[in-house]
C-alpha cells in the first residue's frame, strides 16, 4: 500500500501536452492526447516560482500524484476540483523506495 493513500482525495483532469502519436489536424496543428482523470492531492494557493528566464511567475496550485500515476510533462493542463485550470510549470519526482520513504510526483501549476 502507498504510504500517502489517505491523502489521494482530489480528482484532477489532465490534458497532456504530448501529442497523440504525432498526429496533426487538417491545418497541421498537433492533435492533443485525450484527457486523463487521476486522483491525488491538490493544494490551491497563490505563490511565486522562478521561471527559466529568471522572472517571477505566479503559481496557482500544487498537485501531488502517486508515483505510479501517469506522468505528465510541462505544458500539460490540469483542471482542478474547483474548476480552475492551470498549466504544468514544473514537475518534481520524489522516488523514495530505496529509503522506504513515500514516493510521489509534484506538479506546480501556473
PDB file of N, CA and C in Angstrom:
ATOM      1  N   UNK A   1       0.843  -1.185   0.000  1.00  0.00           N
ATOM      2  CA  UNK A   1       0.000   0.000   0.000  1.00  0.00           C
ATOM      3  C   UNK A   1       0.886   1.245   0.000  1.00  0.00           C
ATOM      4  N   UNK A   2       0.468   2.270  -0.717  1.00  0.00           N
ATOM      5  CA  UNK A   2       1.142   3.555  -0.792  1.00  0.00           C
ATOM      6  C   UNK A   2       1.002   4.269   0.554  1.00  0.00           C
ATOM      7  N   UNK A   3       2.111   4.780   1.097  1.00  0.00           N
ATOM      8  CA  UNK A   3       2.070   5.476   2.386  1.00  0.00           C
ATOM      9  C   UNK A   3       1.223   6.743   2.351  1.00  0.00           C
ATOM     10  N   UNK A   4       0.971   7.276   1.168  1.00  0.00           N
ATOM     11  CA  UNK A   4       0.205   8.521   1.044  1.00  0.00           C
ATOM     12  C   UNK A   4      -1.237   8.294   0.602  1.00  0.00           C
ATOM     13  N   UNK A   5      -1.685   7.052   0.560  1.00  0.00           N
ATOM     14  CA  UNK A   5      -3.021   6.710   0.066  1.00  0.00           C
ATOM     15  C   UNK A   5      -4.120   7.552   0.714  1.00  0.00           C
ATOM     16  N   UNK A   6      -4.022   7.805   2.004  1.00  0.00           N
ATOM     17  CA  UNK A   6      -5.057   8.578   2.703  1.00  0.00           C
ATOM     18  C   UNK A   6      -5.174  10.006   2.177  1.00  0.00           C
ATOM     19  N   UNK A   7      -4.130  10.499   1.513  1.00  0.00           N
ATOM     20  CA  UNK A   7      -4.136  11.871   1.008  1.00  0.00           C
ATOM     21  C   UNK A   7      -4.692  11.984  -0.405  1.00  0.00           C
ATOM     22  N   UNK A   8      -4.819  10.889  -1.121  1.00  0.00           N
ATOM     23  CA  UNK A   8      -5.293  10.933  -2.511  1.00  0.00           C
ATOM     24  C   UNK A   8      -6.813  11.096  -2.512  1.00  0.00           C
ATOM     25  N   UNK A   9      -7.276  12.336  -2.339  1.00  0.00           N
ATOM     26  CA  UNK A   9      -8.706  12.602  -2.189  1.00  0.00           C
ATOM     27  C   UNK A   9      -9.297  13.518  -3.252  1.00  0.00           C
ATOM     28  N   UNK A  10      -8.476  14.058  -4.122  1.00  0.00           N
ATOM     29  CA  UNK A  10      -8.967  15.006  -5.133  1.00  0.00           C
ATOM     30  C   UNK A  10      -8.842  14.401  -6.529  1.00  0.00           C
ATOM     31  N   UNK A  11      -9.827  14.668  -7.358  1.00  0.00           N
ATOM     32  CA  UNK A  11      -9.799  14.212  -8.745  1.00  0.00           C
ATOM     33  C   UNK A  11      -9.420  15.375  -9.644  1.00  0.00           C
ATOM     34  N   UNK A  12      -8.469  15.116 -10.526  1.00  0.00           N
ATOM     35  CA  UNK A  12      -7.938  16.135 -11.440  1.00  0.00           C
ATOM     36  C   UNK A  12      -8.042  15.581 -12.856  1.00  0.00           C
ATOM     37  N   UNK A  13      -8.443  16.425 -13.809  1.00  0.00           N
ATOM     38  CA  UNK A  13      -8.469  16.032 -15.209  1.00  0.00           C
ATOM     39  C   UNK A  13      -7.280  16.688 -15.899  1.00  0.00           C
ATOM     40  N   UNK A  14      -6.475  15.870 -16.558  1.00  0.00           N
ATOM     41  CA  UNK A  14      -5.248  16.349 -17.185  1.00  0.00           C
ATOM     42  C   UNK A  14      -5.327  16.162 -18.688  1.00  0.00           C
ATOM     43  N   UNK A  15      -5.006  17.223 -19.430  1.00  0.00           N
ATOM     44  CA  UNK A  15      -4.843  17.125 -20.871  1.00  0.00           C
ATOM     45  C   UNK A  15      -3.344  17.183 -21.130  1.00  0.00           C
ATOM     46  N   UNK A  16      -2.744  16.049 -21.502  1.00  0.00           N
ATOM     47  CA  UNK A  16      -1.298  16.012 -21.691  1.00  0.00           C
ATOM     48  C   UNK A  16      -0.834  16.967 -22.784  1.00  0.00           C
ATOM     49  N   UNK A  17       0.345  17.528 -22.588  1.00  0.00           N
ATOM     50  CA  UNK A  17       0.932  18.417 -23.597  1.00  0.00           C
ATOM     51  C   UNK A  17       1.429  17.615 -24.790  1.00  0.00           C
ATOM     52  N   UNK A  18       1.718  16.341 -24.556  1.00  0.00           N
ATOM     53  CA  UNK A  18       2.212  15.482 -25.635  1.00  0.00           C
ATOM     54  C   UNK A  18       1.129  15.286 -26.684  1.00  0.00           C
ATOM     55  N   UNK A  19       1.541  15.163 -27.912  1.00  0.00           N
ATOM     56  CA  UNK A  19       0.578  14.921 -28.974  1.00  0.00           C
ATOM     57  C   UNK A  19       0.195  13.449 -29.004  1.00  0.00           C
ATOM     58  N   UNK A  20      -0.914  13.170 -29.642  1.00  0.00           N
ATOM     59  CA  UNK A  20      -1.395  11.793 -29.770  1.00  0.00           C
ATOM     60  C   UNK A  20      -0.660  11.117 -30.927  1.00  0.00           C
ATOM     61  N   UNK A  21       0.405  10.407 -30.622  1.00  0.00           N
ATOM     62  CA  UNK A  21       1.170   9.642 -31.620  1.00  0.00           C
ATOM     63  C   UNK A  21       1.643  10.490 -32.797  1.00  0.00           C
ATOM     64  N   UNK A  22       1.965  11.761 -32.547  1.00  0.00           N
ATOM     65  CA  UNK A  22       2.487  12.618 -33.595  1.00  0.00           C
ATOM     66  C   UNK A  22       1.453  13.030 -34.626  1.00  0.00           C
ATOM     67  N   UNK A  23       0.173  12.835 -34.340  1.00  0.00           N
ATOM     68  CA  UNK A  23      -0.882  13.170 -35.291  1.00  0.00           C
ATOM     69  C   UNK A  23      -1.041  14.682 -35.409  1.00  0.00           C
ATOM     70  N   UNK A  24      -1.460  15.123 -36.575  1.00  0.00           N
ATOM     71  CA  UNK A  24      -1.770  16.533 -36.796  1.00  0.00           C
ATOM     72  C   UNK A  24      -3.169  16.641 -37.384  1.00  0.00           C
ATOM     73  N   UNK A  25      -3.817  17.801 -37.155  1.00  0.00           N
ATOM     74  CA  UNK A  25      -5.152  18.006 -37.725  1.00  0.00           C
ATOM     75  C   UNK A  25      -5.025  18.495 -39.167  1.00  0.00           C
ATOM     76  N   UNK A  26      -6.171  18.835 -39.766  1.00  0.00           N
ATOM     77  CA  UNK A  26      -6.178  19.232 -41.179  1.00  0.00           C
ATOM     78  C   UNK A  26      -5.402  20.522 -41.438  1.00  0.00           C
ATOM     79  N   UNK A  27      -5.066  21.267 -40.366  1.00  0.00           N
ATOM     80  CA  UNK A  27      -4.304  22.506 -40.504  1.00  0.00           C
ATOM     81  C   UNK A  27      -2.842  22.330 -40.107  1.00  0.00           C
ATOM     82  N   UNK A  28      -2.448  21.091 -39.813  1.00  0.00           N
ATOM     83  CA  UNK A  28      -1.067  20.814 -39.459  1.00  0.00           C
ATOM     84  C   UNK A  28      -0.726  21.046 -37.993  1.00  0.00           C
ATOM     85  N   UNK A  29      -1.747  21.328 -37.172  1.00  0.00           N
ATOM     86  CA  UNK A  29      -1.513  21.536 -35.736  1.00  0.00           C
ATOM     87  C   UNK A  29      -1.479  20.186 -35.032  1.00  0.00           C
ATOM     88  N   UNK A  30      -0.606  20.056 -34.015  1.00  0.00           N
ATOM     89  CA  UNK A  30      -0.551  18.787 -33.279  1.00  0.00           C
ATOM     90  C   UNK A  30      -1.890  18.472 -32.617  1.00  0.00           C
ATOM     91  N   UNK A  31      -2.297  17.210 -32.677  1.00  0.00           N
ATOM     92  CA  UNK A  31      -3.516  16.750 -32.014  1.00  0.00           C
ATOM     93  C   UNK A  31      -3.137  16.369 -30.585  1.00  0.00           C
ATOM     94  N   UNK A  32      -3.816  16.971 -29.621  1.00  0.00           N
ATOM     95  CA  UNK A  32      -3.528  16.674 -28.214  1.00  0.00           C
ATOM     96  C   UNK A  32      -4.005  15.276 -27.859  1.00  0.00           C
ATOM     97  N   UNK A  33      -3.293  14.652 -26.937  1.00  0.00           N
ATOM     98  CA  UNK A  33      -3.723  13.357 -26.420  1.00  0.00           C
ATOM     99  C   UNK A  33      -5.030  13.555 -25.642  1.00  0.00           C
ATOM    100  N   UNK A  34      -5.781  12.503 -25.476  1.00  0.00           N
ATOM    101  CA  UNK A  34      -7.066  12.572 -24.774  1.00  0.00           C
ATOM    102  C   UNK A  34      -6.854  12.902 -23.297  1.00  0.00           C
ATOM    103  N   UNK A  35      -7.787  13.649 -22.694  1.00  0.00           N
ATOM    104  CA  UNK A  35      -7.689  13.953 -21.261  1.00  0.00           C
ATOM    105  C   UNK A  35      -7.718  12.682 -20.417  1.00  0.00           C
ATOM    106  N   UNK A  36      -7.039  12.754 -19.278  1.00  0.00           N
ATOM    107  CA  UNK A  36      -6.933  11.632 -18.347  1.00  0.00           C
ATOM    108  C   UNK A  36      -7.388  12.121 -16.976  1.00  0.00           C
ATOM    109  N   UNK A  37      -8.146  11.299 -16.258  1.00  0.00           N
ATOM    110  CA  UNK A  37      -8.566  11.645 -14.898  1.00  0.00           C
ATOM    111  C   UNK A  37      -7.698  10.874 -13.913  1.00  0.00           C
ATOM    112  N   UNK A  38      -7.126  11.607 -12.951  1.00  0.00           N
ATOM    113  CA  UNK A  38      -6.258  10.993 -11.943  1.00  0.00           C
ATOM    114  C   UNK A  38      -6.686  11.472 -10.562  1.00  0.00           C
ATOM    115  N   UNK A  39      -6.308  10.711  -9.550  1.00  0.00           N
ATOM    116  CA  UNK A  39      -6.623  11.074  -8.169  1.00  0.00           C
ATOM    117  C   UNK A  39      -5.331  11.372  -7.432  1.00  0.00           C
ATOM    118  N   UNK A  40      -5.326  12.493  -6.717  1.00  0.00           N
ATOM    119  CA  UNK A  40      -4.146  12.902  -5.972  1.00  0.00           C
ATOM    120  C   UNK A  40      -4.526  13.891  -4.888  1.00  0.00           C
ATOM    121  N   UNK A  41      -3.592  14.772  -4.561  1.00  0.00           N
ATOM    122  CA  UNK A  41      -3.828  15.797  -3.548  1.00  0.00           C
ATOM    123  C   UNK A  41      -3.576  17.153  -4.174  1.00  0.00           C
ATOM    124  N   UNK A  42      -4.544  18.067  -4.027  1.00  0.00           N
ATOM    125  CA  UNK A  42      -4.446  19.403  -4.605  1.00  0.00           C
ATOM    126  C   UNK A  42      -4.400  20.435  -3.502  1.00  0.00           C
ATOM    127  N   UNK A  43      -3.431  21.335  -3.605  1.00  0.00           N
ATOM    128  CA  UNK A  43      -3.355  22.471  -2.697  1.00  0.00           C
ATOM    129  C   UNK A  43      -3.415  23.729  -3.563  1.00  0.00           C
ATOM    130  N   UNK A  44      -4.581  24.366  -3.547  1.00  0.00           N
ATOM    131  CA  UNK A  44      -4.736  25.593  -4.322  1.00  0.00           C
ATOM    132  C   UNK A  44      -4.287  26.770  -3.461  1.00  0.00           C
ATOM    133  N   UNK A  45      -3.214  27.405  -3.884  1.00  0.00           N
ATOM    134  CA  UNK A  45      -2.719  28.588  -3.194  1.00  0.00           C
ATOM    135  C   UNK A  45      -1.836  29.359  -4.163  1.00  0.00           C
ATOM    136  N   UNK A  46      -1.901  30.658  -4.064  1.00  0.00           N
ATOM    137  CA  UNK A  46      -1.089  31.506  -4.920  1.00  0.00           C
ATOM    138  C   UNK A  46       0.290  31.658  -4.280  1.00  0.00           C
ATOM    139  N   UNK A  47       1.309  31.383  -5.060  1.00  0.00           N
ATOM    140  CA  UNK A  47       2.676  31.592  -4.601  1.00  0.00           C
ATOM    141  C   UNK A  47       3.560  31.877  -5.817  1.00  0.00           C
ATOM    142  N   UNK A  48       4.756  32.343  -5.567  1.00  0.00           N
ATOM    143  CA  UNK A  48       5.661  32.729  -6.651  1.00  0.00           C
ATOM    144  C   UNK A  48       6.704  31.643  -6.886  1.00  0.00           C
ATOM    145  N   UNK A  49       6.991  31.390  -8.153  1.00  0.00           N
ATOM    146  CA  UNK A  49       8.051  30.482  -8.549  1.00  0.00           C
ATOM    147  C   UNK A  49       8.922  31.205  -9.571  1.00  0.00           C
ATOM    148  N   UNK A  50      10.149  30.753  -9.708  1.00  0.00           N
ATOM    149  CA  UNK A  50      11.087  31.389 -10.634  1.00  0.00           C
ATOM    150  C   UNK A  50      11.029  30.677 -11.978  1.00  0.00           C
ATOM    151  N   UNK A  51      10.855  31.449 -13.050  1.00  0.00           N
ATOM    152  CA  UNK A  51      10.809  30.894 -14.394  1.00  0.00           C
ATOM    153  C   UNK A  51      12.201  30.622 -14.931  1.00  0.00           C
ATOM    154  N   UNK A  52      12.274  29.938 -16.057  1.00  0.00           N
ATOM    155  CA  UNK A  52      13.572  29.629 -16.669  1.00  0.00           C
ATOM    156  C   UNK A  52      14.348  30.881 -17.031  1.00  0.00           C
ATOM    157  N   UNK A  53      13.618  31.944 -17.341  1.00  0.00           N
ATOM    158  CA  UNK A  53      14.281  33.192 -17.716  1.00  0.00           C
ATOM    159  C   UNK A  53      14.627  34.055 -16.502  1.00  0.00           C
ATOM    160  N   UNK A  54      14.367  33.541 -15.308  1.00  0.00           N
ATOM    161  CA  UNK A  54      14.688  34.275 -14.085  1.00  0.00           C
ATOM    162  C   UNK A  54      13.566  35.158 -13.581  1.00  0.00           C
ATOM    163  N   UNK A  55      12.503  35.285 -14.366  1.00  0.00           N
ATOM    164  CA  UNK A  55      11.376  36.128 -13.962  1.00  0.00           C
ATOM    165  C   UNK A  55      10.485  35.388 -12.965  1.00  0.00           C
ATOM    166  N   UNK A  56       9.844  36.146 -12.089  1.00  0.00           N
ATOM    167  CA  UNK A  56       8.886  35.556 -11.160  1.00  0.00           C
ATOM    168  C   UNK A  56       7.593  35.231 -11.892  1.00  0.00           C
ATOM    169  N   UNK A  57       7.040  34.051 -11.599  1.00  0.00           N
ATOM    170  CA  UNK A  57       5.794  33.598 -12.203  1.00  0.00           C
ATOM    171  C   UNK A  57       4.852  33.223 -11.062  1.00  0.00           C
ATOM    172  N   UNK A  58       3.589  33.617 -11.183  1.00  0.00           N
ATOM    173  CA  UNK A  58       2.621  33.306 -10.134  1.00  0.00           C
ATOM    174  C   UNK A  58       2.039  31.920 -10.349  1.00  0.00           C
ATOM    175  N   UNK A  59       2.245  31.043  -9.369  1.00  0.00           N
ATOM    176  CA  UNK A  59       1.672  29.699  -9.409  1.00  0.00           C
ATOM    177  C   UNK A  59       0.309  29.737  -8.734  1.00  0.00           C
ATOM    178  N   UNK A  60      -0.605  28.871  -9.180  1.00  0.00           N
ATOM    179  CA  UNK A  60      -1.962  28.853  -8.630  1.00  0.00           C
ATOM    180  C   UNK A  60      -2.240  27.638  -7.770  1.00  0.00           C
ATOM    181  N   UNK A  61      -1.422  26.574  -7.948  1.00  0.00           N
ATOM    182  CA  UNK A  61      -1.690  25.339  -7.205  1.00  0.00           C
ATOM    183  C   UNK A  61      -0.499  24.401  -7.277  1.00  0.00           C
ATOM    184  N   UNK A  62      -0.491  23.485  -6.334  1.00  0.00           N
ATOM    185  CA  UNK A  62       0.453  22.373  -6.341  1.00  0.00           C
ATOM    186  C   UNK A  62      -0.380  21.098  -6.337  1.00  0.00           C
ATOM    187  N   UNK A  63      -0.082  20.205  -7.265  1.00  0.00           N
ATOM    188  CA  UNK A  63      -0.807  18.937  -7.379  1.00  0.00           C
ATOM    189  C   UNK A  63       0.188  17.807  -7.136  1.00  0.00           C
ATOM    190  N   UNK A  64      -0.132  16.934  -6.200  1.00  0.00           N
ATOM    191  CA  UNK A  64       0.724  15.790  -5.889  1.00  0.00           C
ATOM    192  C   UNK A  64      -0.013  14.517  -6.272  1.00  0.00           C
ATOM    193  N   UNK A  65       0.652  13.677  -7.053  1.00  0.00           N
ATOM    194  CA  UNK A  65       0.059  12.428  -7.530  1.00  0.00           C
ATOM    195  C   UNK A  65       0.931  11.253  -7.104  1.00  0.00           C
ATOM    196  N   UNK A  66       0.335  10.059  -7.004  1.00  0.00           N
ATOM    197  CA  UNK A  66       1.129   8.871  -6.695  1.00  0.00           C
ATOM    198  C   UNK A  66       2.217   8.681  -7.756  1.00  0.00           C
ATOM    199  N   UNK A  67       3.332   8.125  -7.356  1.00  0.00           N
ATOM    200  CA  UNK A  67       4.439   7.902  -8.286  1.00  0.00           C
ATOM    201  C   UNK A  67       4.039   6.995  -9.438  1.00  0.00           C
ATOM    202  N   UNK A  68       3.105   6.068  -9.202  1.00  0.00           N
ATOM    203  CA  UNK A  68       2.694   5.144 -10.266  1.00  0.00           C
ATOM    204  C   UNK A  68       1.574   5.694 -11.148  1.00  0.00           C
ATOM    205  N   UNK A  69       1.156   6.938 -10.915  1.00  0.00           N
ATOM    206  CA  UNK A  69       0.157   7.579 -11.787  1.00  0.00           C
ATOM    207  C   UNK A  69       0.840   7.927 -13.115  1.00  0.00           C
ATOM    208  N   UNK A  70       0.054   8.130 -14.178  1.00  0.00           N
ATOM    209  CA  UNK A  70       0.668   8.554 -15.437  1.00  0.00           C
ATOM    210  C   UNK A  70       1.498   9.823 -15.201  1.00  0.00           C
ATOM    211  N   UNK A  71       2.592   9.966 -15.922  1.00  0.00           N
ATOM    212  CA  UNK A  71       3.472  11.124 -15.787  1.00  0.00           C
ATOM    213  C   UNK A  71       3.109  12.142 -16.860  1.00  0.00           C
ATOM    214  N   UNK A  72       3.040  13.407 -16.493  1.00  0.00           N
ATOM    215  CA  UNK A  72       2.671  14.472 -17.419  1.00  0.00           C
ATOM    216  C   UNK A  72       3.795  15.488 -17.498  1.00  0.00           C
ATOM    217  N   UNK A  73       4.020  16.030 -18.675  1.00  0.00           N
ATOM    218  CA  UNK A  73       5.102  16.987 -18.866  1.00  0.00           C
ATOM    219  C   UNK A  73       4.656  18.427 -18.701  1.00  0.00           C
ATOM    220  N   UNK A  74       5.637  19.315 -18.701  1.00  0.00           N
ATOM    221  CA  UNK A  74       5.327  20.738 -18.639  1.00  0.00           C
ATOM    222  C   UNK A  74       4.503  21.114 -19.864  1.00  0.00           C
ATOM    223  N   UNK A  75       3.615  22.059 -19.675  1.00  0.00           N
ATOM    224  CA  UNK A  75       2.714  22.459 -20.749  1.00  0.00           C
ATOM    225  C   UNK A  75       1.388  21.728 -20.734  1.00  0.00           C
ATOM    226  N   UNK A  76       1.305  20.617 -19.993  1.00  0.00           N
ATOM    227  CA  UNK A  76       0.019  19.920 -19.853  1.00  0.00           C
ATOM    228  C   UNK A  76      -0.927  20.815 -19.053  1.00  0.00           C
ATOM    229  N   UNK A  77      -2.222  20.660 -19.247  1.00  0.00           N
ATOM    230  CA  UNK A  77      -3.177  21.445 -18.474  1.00  0.00           C
ATOM    231  C   UNK A  77      -3.914  20.533 -17.508  1.00  0.00           C
ATOM    232  N   UNK A  78      -4.183  21.071 -16.315  1.00  0.00           N
ATOM    233  CA  UNK A  78      -4.902  20.325 -15.287  1.00  0.00           C
ATOM    234  C   UNK A  78      -6.121  21.122 -14.853  1.00  0.00           C
ATOM    235  N   UNK A  79      -7.272  20.458 -14.816  1.00  0.00           N
ATOM    236  CA  UNK A  79      -8.483  21.070 -14.287  1.00  0.00           C
ATOM    237  C   UNK A  79      -8.658  20.553 -12.869  1.00  0.00           C
ATOM    238  N   UNK A  80      -8.675  21.477 -11.926  1.00  0.00           N
ATOM    239  CA  UNK A  80      -8.720  21.151 -10.505  1.00  0.00           C
ATOM    240  C   UNK A  80     -10.155  20.926 -10.046  1.00  0.00           C
ATOM    241  N   UNK A  81     -10.346  20.352  -8.856  1.00  0.00           N
ATOM    242  CA  UNK A  81     -11.705  20.116  -8.348  1.00  0.00           C
ATOM    243  C   UNK A  81     -12.543  21.394  -8.276  1.00  0.00           C
ATOM    244  N   UNK A  82     -11.914  22.537  -8.102  1.00  0.00           N
ATOM    245  CA  UNK A  82     -12.639  23.805  -8.024  1.00  0.00           C
ATOM    246  C   UNK A  82     -13.116  24.280  -9.392  1.00  0.00           C
ATOM    247  N   UNK A  83     -12.617  23.642 -10.458  1.00  0.00           N
ATOM    248  CA  UNK A  83     -12.948  24.070 -11.817  1.00  0.00           C
ATOM    249  C   UNK A  83     -11.868  24.948 -12.423  1.00  0.00           C
ATOM    250  N   UNK A  84     -10.948  25.424 -11.609  1.00  0.00           N
ATOM    251  CA  UNK A  84      -9.848  26.257 -12.097  1.00  0.00           C
ATOM    252  C   UNK A  84      -8.907  25.391 -12.932  1.00  0.00           C
ATOM    253  N   UNK A  85      -8.381  25.962 -14.014  1.00  0.00           N
ATOM    254  CA  UNK A  85      -7.469  25.251 -14.886  1.00  0.00           C
ATOM    255  C   UNK A  85      -6.108  25.929 -14.854  1.00  0.00           C
ATOM    256  N   UNK A  86      -5.059  25.115 -14.763  1.00  0.00           N
ATOM    257  CA  UNK A  86      -3.697  25.635 -14.771  1.00  0.00           C
ATOM    258  C   UNK A  86      -2.821  24.824 -15.701  1.00  0.00           C
ATOM    259  N   UNK A  87      -1.663  25.387 -15.999  1.00  0.00           N
ATOM    260  CA  UNK A  87      -0.694  24.745 -16.871  1.00  0.00           C
ATOM    261  C   UNK A  87       0.475  24.234 -16.035  1.00  0.00           C
ATOM    262  N   UNK A  88       0.915  23.009 -16.299  1.00  0.00           N
ATOM    263  CA  UNK A  88       2.042  22.443 -15.564  1.00  0.00           C
ATOM    264  C   UNK A  88       3.297  23.251 -15.891  1.00  0.00           C
ATOM    265  N   UNK A  89       3.909  23.792 -14.843  1.00  0.00           N
ATOM    266  CA  UNK A  89       5.089  24.635 -14.978  1.00  0.00           C
ATOM    267  C   UNK A  89       6.349  23.884 -14.546  1.00  0.00           C
ATOM    268  N   UNK A  90       6.241  23.115 -13.454  1.00  0.00           N
ATOM    269  CA  UNK A  90       7.366  22.292 -13.005  1.00  0.00           C
ATOM    270  C   UNK A  90       6.866  20.904 -12.631  1.00  0.00           C
ATOM    271  N   UNK A  91       7.769  19.935 -12.738  1.00  0.00           N
ATOM    272  CA  UNK A  91       7.485  18.553 -12.347  1.00  0.00           C
ATOM    273  C   UNK A  91       8.632  18.100 -11.456  1.00  0.00           C
ATOM    274  N   UNK A  92       8.309  17.594 -10.267  1.00  0.00           N
ATOM    275  CA  UNK A  92       9.328  17.082  -9.351  1.00  0.00           C
ATOM    276  C   UNK A  92       8.966  15.663  -8.945  1.00  0.00           C
ATOM    277  N   UNK A  93       9.886  14.742  -9.145  1.00  0.00           N
ATOM    278  CA  UNK A  93       9.656  13.336  -8.807  1.00  0.00           C
ATOM    279  C   UNK A  93      10.429  13.007  -7.535  1.00  0.00           C
ATOM    280  N   UNK A  94       9.716  12.471  -6.547  1.00  0.00           N
ATOM    281  CA  UNK A  94      10.344  12.030  -5.299  1.00  0.00           C
ATOM    282  C   UNK A  94      10.189  10.522  -5.211  1.00  0.00           C
ATOM    283  N   UNK A  95      11.249   9.804  -5.548  1.00  0.00           N
ATOM    284  CA  UNK A  95      11.227   8.346  -5.522  1.00  0.00           C
ATOM    285  C   UNK A  95      12.032   7.879  -4.314  1.00  0.00           C
ATOM    286  N   UNK A  96      11.323   7.512  -3.250  1.00  0.00           N
ATOM    287  CA  UNK A  96      11.982   7.145  -2.019  1.00  0.00           C
ATOM    288  C   UNK A  96      11.983   5.665  -1.726  1.00  0.00           C
ATOM    289  N   UNK A  97      11.758   4.821  -2.748  1.00  0.00           N
ATOM    290  CA  UNK A  97      11.637   3.385  -2.497  1.00  0.00           C
ATOM    291  C   UNK A  97      12.868   2.795  -1.809  1.00  0.00           C
ATOM    292  N   UNK A  98      14.057   3.160  -2.256  1.00  0.00           N
ATOM    293  CA  UNK A  98      15.276   2.596  -1.657  1.00  0.00           C
ATOM    294  C   UNK A  98      15.403   2.986  -0.186  1.00  0.00           C
ATOM    295  N   UNK A  99      14.819   4.125   0.181  1.00  0.00           N
ATOM    296  CA  UNK A  99      14.898   4.603   1.559  1.00  0.00           C
ATOM    297  C   UNK A  99      13.629   4.311   2.346  1.00  0.00           C
ATOM    298  N   UNK A 100      12.679   3.635   1.719  1.00  0.00           N
ATOM    299  CA  UNK A 100      11.386   3.344   2.333  1.00  0.00           C
ATOM    300  C   UNK A 100      10.658   4.621   2.758  1.00  0.00           C
ATOM    301  N   UNK A 101      10.723   5.628   1.889  1.00  0.00           N
ATOM    302  CA  UNK A 101      10.010   6.890   2.097  1.00  0.00           C
ATOM    303  C   UNK A 101       8.855   6.965   1.107  1.00  0.00           C
ATOM    304  N   UNK A 102       7.822   7.771   1.404  1.00  0.00           N
ATOM    305  CA  UNK A 102       6.700   7.904   0.467  1.00  0.00           C
ATOM    306  C   UNK A 102       7.166   8.493  -0.869  1.00  0.00           C
ATOM    307  N   UNK A 103       6.729   7.896  -1.942  1.00  0.00           N
ATOM    308  CA  UNK A 103       7.098   8.352  -3.284  1.00  0.00           C
ATOM    309  C   UNK A 103       5.916   9.038  -3.936  1.00  0.00           C
ATOM    310  N   UNK A 104       6.191  10.080  -4.726  1.00  0.00           N
ATOM    311  CA  UNK A 104       5.131  10.841  -5.369  1.00  0.00           C
ATOM    312  C   UNK A 104       5.718  11.748  -6.446  1.00  0.00           C
ATOM    313  N   UNK A 105       4.843  12.330  -7.247  1.00  0.00           N
ATOM    314  CA  UNK A 105       5.235  13.327  -8.234  1.00  0.00           C
ATOM    315  C   UNK A 105       4.457  14.602  -7.921  1.00  0.00           C
ATOM    316  N   UNK A 106       5.175  15.728  -7.896  1.00  0.00           N
ATOM    317  CA  UNK A 106       4.545  17.011  -7.588  1.00  0.00           C
ATOM    318  C   UNK A 106       4.608  17.927  -8.794  1.00  0.00           C
ATOM    319  N   UNK A 107       3.471  18.539  -9.096  1.00  0.00           N
ATOM    320  CA  UNK A 107       3.354  19.461 -10.233  1.00  0.00           C
ATOM    321  C   UNK A 107       3.007  20.844  -9.701  1.00  0.00           C
ATOM    322  N   UNK A 108       3.705  21.853 -10.197  1.00  0.00           N
ATOM    323  CA  UNK A 108       3.365  23.242  -9.895  1.00  0.00           C
ATOM    324  C   UNK A 108       2.614  23.790 -11.106  1.00  0.00           C
ATOM    325  N   UNK A 109       1.450  24.406 -10.861  1.00  0.00           N
ATOM    326  CA  UNK A 109       0.626  24.932 -11.952  1.00  0.00           C
ATOM    327  C   UNK A 109       0.654  26.454 -11.961  1.00  0.00           C
ATOM    328  N   UNK A 110       0.680  27.016 -13.158  1.00  0.00           N
ATOM    329  CA  UNK A 110       0.579  28.468 -13.305  1.00  0.00           C
ATOM    330  C   UNK A 110      -0.668  28.798 -14.086  1.00  0.00           C
TER     331      UNK A 110
END
